[in-house]
């Protein structure tokens, strides 16, 4: 399990990629805690608009969570990280196993309805 501050820097905003090579989103926030021996232990990677809003401001995070009813906030246990490389975070399972990217699909489906048929 990764346990260094440098790893946190490498994870934040990193591209998540399933074992099948499909990109599924970016890391918006990281959950970590201090262990009894004083080491910072990474627990989860958070994705979604709520997590990103919390990073900007706790007030904004609360508002986005209220608007979205928590539908899009998703986390991935740190144990699912297979490897880190050049801003890409390779995960152990295929992309379909992770419920990440739902907010983008939801938004795209709503916006597509507003476009004229010729543009779809």
C-alpha atoms as a PDB file:
ATOM      1  CA  UNK A   1       0.000   0.000   0.000  1.00  0.00           C
ATOM      2  CA  UNK A   2       1.459   3.411  -0.955  1.00  0.00           C
ATOM      3  CA  UNK A   3       2.441   5.435   2.148  1.00  0.00           C
ATOM      4  CA  UNK A   4       4.337   8.538   1.028  1.00  0.00           C
ATOM      5  CA  UNK A   5       3.506  12.192   0.486  1.00  0.00           C
ATOM      6  CA  UNK A   6       5.016  11.981  -3.018  1.00  0.00           C
ATOM      7  CA  UNK A   7       2.502   9.320  -3.964  1.00  0.00           C
ATOM      8  CA  UNK A   8      -0.363  11.635  -2.967  1.00  0.00           C
ATOM      9  CA  UNK A   9       1.011  14.301  -5.296  1.00  0.00           C
ATOM     10  CA  UNK A  10       1.258  11.722  -8.088  1.00  0.00           C
ATOM     11  CA  UNK A  11      -2.327  10.513  -7.543  1.00  0.00           C
ATOM     12  CA  UNK A  12      -4.174  13.841  -7.359  1.00  0.00           C
ATOM     13  CA  UNK A  13      -5.838  14.629 -10.720  1.00  0.00           C
ATOM     14  CA  UNK A  14      -4.369  11.445 -12.190  1.00  0.00           C
ATOM     15  CA  UNK A  15      -6.186   9.658 -15.009  1.00  0.00           C
ATOM     16  CA  UNK A  16      -7.845   6.443 -13.814  1.00  0.00           C
ATOM     17  CA  UNK A  17      -7.558   3.578 -16.271  1.00  0.00           C
ATOM     18  CA  UNK A  18      -9.147   0.169 -15.943  1.00  0.00           C
ATOM     19  CA  UNK A  19      -7.185  -3.027 -16.565  1.00  0.00           C
ATOM     20  CA  UNK A  20      -8.846  -3.151 -20.009  1.00  0.00           C
ATOM     21  CA  UNK A  21      -7.151   0.139 -20.999  1.00  0.00           C
ATOM     22  CA  UNK A  22     -10.324   2.253 -20.807  1.00  0.00           C
ATOM     23  CA  UNK A  23     -10.011   5.665 -19.120  1.00  0.00           C
ATOM     24  CA  UNK A  24     -12.775   6.154 -16.566  1.00  0.00           C
ATOM     25  CA  UNK A  25     -12.135   9.525 -14.952  1.00  0.00           C
ATOM     26  CA  UNK A  26      -9.736  11.521 -12.825  1.00  0.00           C
ATOM     27  CA  UNK A  27      -8.942  11.523  -9.130  1.00  0.00           C
ATOM     28  CA  UNK A  28     -10.677  14.514  -7.534  1.00  0.00           C
ATOM     29  CA  UNK A  29      -9.674  13.873  -3.926  1.00  0.00           C
ATOM     30  CA  UNK A  30      -7.768  11.435  -1.748  1.00  0.00           C
ATOM     31  CA  UNK A  31      -8.770   9.980   1.603  1.00  0.00           C
ATOM     32  CA  UNK A  32      -5.868   9.402   3.972  1.00  0.00           C
ATOM     33  CA  UNK A  33      -5.294   9.077   7.694  1.00  0.00           C
ATOM     34  CA  UNK A  34      -2.401   9.137  10.110  1.00  0.00           C
ATOM     35  CA  UNK A  35      -1.432   5.736  11.477  1.00  0.00           C
ATOM     36  CA  UNK A  36      -0.417   5.139  15.099  1.00  0.00           C
ATOM     37  CA  UNK A  37       3.253   5.232  14.092  1.00  0.00           C
ATOM     38  CA  UNK A  38       2.869   8.666  12.447  1.00  0.00           C
ATOM     39  CA  UNK A  39       2.785   7.573   8.804  1.00  0.00           C
ATOM     40  CA  UNK A  40       0.218   8.938   6.372  1.00  0.00           C
ATOM     41  CA  UNK A  41      -1.745   5.982   4.999  1.00  0.00           C
ATOM     42  CA  UNK A  42      -3.772   6.368   1.811  1.00  0.00           C
ATOM     43  CA  UNK A  43      -7.215   4.751   1.973  1.00  0.00           C
ATOM     44  CA  UNK A  44      -9.343   5.729  -1.032  1.00  0.00           C
ATOM     45  CA  UNK A  45      -9.372   7.709  -4.267  1.00  0.00           C
ATOM     46  CA  UNK A  46     -12.480   9.868  -4.706  1.00  0.00           C
ATOM     47  CA  UNK A  47     -13.994  10.800  -8.078  1.00  0.00           C
ATOM     48  CA  UNK A  48     -16.963  12.901  -9.124  1.00  0.00           C
ATOM     49  CA  UNK A  49     -18.251  16.440  -8.980  1.00  0.00           C
ATOM     50  CA  UNK A  50     -18.921  16.357  -5.235  1.00  0.00           C
ATOM     51  CA  UNK A  51     -15.337  15.355  -4.442  1.00  0.00           C
ATOM     52  CA  UNK A  52     -13.976  18.006  -6.779  1.00  0.00           C
ATOM     53  CA  UNK A  53     -16.226  20.676  -5.267  1.00  0.00           C
ATOM     54  CA  UNK A  54     -15.103  19.732  -1.736  1.00  0.00           C
ATOM     55  CA  UNK A  55     -11.528  20.279  -2.860  1.00  0.00           C
ATOM     56  CA  UNK A  56     -12.347  23.811  -3.939  1.00  0.00           C
ATOM     57  CA  UNK A  57     -14.426  24.781  -0.901  1.00  0.00           C
ATOM     58  CA  UNK A  58     -16.308  22.966   1.836  1.00  0.00           C
ATOM     59  CA  UNK A  59     -19.285  25.282   1.241  1.00  0.00           C
ATOM     60  CA  UNK A  60     -19.294  24.519  -2.489  1.00  0.00           C
ATOM     61  CA  UNK A  61     -18.935  20.816  -1.698  1.00  0.00           C
ATOM     62  CA  UNK A  62     -22.041  20.894   0.497  1.00  0.00           C
ATOM     63  CA  UNK A  63     -24.033  22.691  -2.201  1.00  0.00           C
ATOM     64  CA  UNK A  64     -23.009  20.293  -4.961  1.00  0.00           C
ATOM     65  CA  UNK A  65     -23.769  17.313  -2.709  1.00  0.00           C
ATOM     66  CA  UNK A  66     -27.196  18.791  -1.945  1.00  0.00           C
ATOM     67  CA  UNK A  67     -27.929  19.326  -5.664  1.00  0.00           C
ATOM     68  CA  UNK A  68     -26.732  15.896  -6.764  1.00  0.00           C
ATOM     69  CA  UNK A  69     -28.023  13.983  -3.720  1.00  0.00           C
ATOM     70  CA  UNK A  70     -24.710  12.097  -3.594  1.00  0.00           C
ATOM     71  CA  UNK A  71     -25.451  10.235  -6.825  1.00  0.00           C
ATOM     72  CA  UNK A  72     -22.072  10.787  -8.437  1.00  0.00           C
ATOM     73  CA  UNK A  73     -19.491  10.661  -5.645  1.00  0.00           C
ATOM     74  CA  UNK A  74     -17.539   7.414  -5.964  1.00  0.00           C
ATOM     75  CA  UNK A  75     -14.474   6.033  -4.254  1.00  0.00           C
ATOM     76  CA  UNK A  76     -11.936   3.393  -5.148  1.00  0.00           C
ATOM     77  CA  UNK A  77      -9.992   1.596  -2.398  1.00  0.00           C
ATOM     78  CA  UNK A  78      -6.254   2.227  -2.678  1.00  0.00           C
ATOM     79  CA  UNK A  79      -5.736  -1.547  -2.892  1.00  0.00           C
ATOM     80  CA  UNK A  80      -7.275  -1.386  -6.394  1.00  0.00           C
ATOM     81  CA  UNK A  81      -4.294   0.627  -7.703  1.00  0.00           C
ATOM     82  CA  UNK A  82      -2.106  -1.710  -9.738  1.00  0.00           C
ATOM     83  CA  UNK A  83       0.514   0.819 -10.851  1.00  0.00           C
ATOM     84  CA  UNK A  84       1.312   4.511 -11.195  1.00  0.00           C
ATOM     85  CA  UNK A  85       2.955   5.989 -14.220  1.00  0.00           C
ATOM     86  CA  UNK A  86       3.151   9.372 -15.909  1.00  0.00           C
ATOM     87  CA  UNK A  87      -0.126  10.743 -14.446  1.00  0.00           C
ATOM     88  CA  UNK A  88      -1.988   7.497 -15.215  1.00  0.00           C
ATOM     89  CA  UNK A  89      -3.295   5.290 -12.431  1.00  0.00           C
ATOM     90  CA  UNK A  90      -3.747   1.732 -13.625  1.00  0.00           C
ATOM     91  CA  UNK A  91      -6.440  -0.176 -11.737  1.00  0.00           C
ATOM     92  CA  UNK A  92      -6.618  -3.921 -11.153  1.00  0.00           C
ATOM     93  CA  UNK A  93     -10.099  -4.533 -12.590  1.00  0.00           C
ATOM     94  CA  UNK A  94     -11.691  -3.760 -15.996  1.00  0.00           C
ATOM     95  CA  UNK A  95     -13.303  -0.307 -16.269  1.00  0.00           C
ATOM     96  CA  UNK A  96     -16.834  -1.735 -16.079  1.00  0.00           C
ATOM     97  CA  UNK A  97     -16.192  -2.829 -12.472  1.00  0.00           C
ATOM     98  CA  UNK A  98     -15.889   0.769 -11.281  1.00  0.00           C
ATOM     99  CA  UNK A  99     -18.884   3.095 -10.980  1.00  0.00           C
ATOM    100  CA  UNK A 100     -16.843   6.145 -11.978  1.00  0.00           C
ATOM    101  CA  UNK A 101     -17.780   8.606 -14.724  1.00  0.00           C
ATOM    102  CA  UNK A 102     -21.532   8.480 -14.132  1.00  0.00           C
ATOM    103  CA  UNK A 103     -21.777  12.265 -13.783  1.00  0.00           C
ATOM    104  CA  UNK A 104     -20.217  12.823 -17.200  1.00  0.00           C
ATOM    105  CA  UNK A 105     -22.583  10.320 -18.835  1.00  0.00           C
ATOM    106  CA  UNK A 106     -25.587  11.838 -17.017  1.00  0.00           C
ATOM    107  CA  UNK A 107     -24.654  15.355 -18.104  1.00  0.00           C
ATOM    108  CA  UNK A 108     -23.961  14.273 -21.690  1.00  0.00           C
ATOM    109  CA  UNK A 109     -27.332  12.526 -21.957  1.00  0.00           C
ATOM    110  CA  UNK A 110     -29.141  15.654 -20.720  1.00  0.00           C
ATOM    111  CA  UNK A 111     -27.221  18.021 -22.993  1.00  0.00           C
ATOM    112  CA  UNK A 112     -27.637  15.782 -26.041  1.00  0.00           C
ATOM    113  CA  UNK A 113     -31.418  16.185 -25.802  1.00  0.00           C
ATOM    114  CA  UNK A 114     -31.013  19.956 -26.137  1.00  0.00           C
ATOM    115  CA  UNK A 115     -29.035  19.742 -29.382  1.00  0.00           C
ATOM    116  CA  UNK A 116     -30.801  19.943 -32.752  1.00  0.00           C
ATOM    117  CA  UNK A 117     -31.167  16.512 -34.370  1.00  0.00           C
ATOM    118  CA  UNK A 118     -28.730  17.458 -37.154  1.00  0.00           C
ATOM    119  CA  UNK A 119     -25.940  17.854 -34.563  1.00  0.00           C
ATOM    120  CA  UNK A 120     -26.467  14.525 -32.805  1.00  0.00           C
END
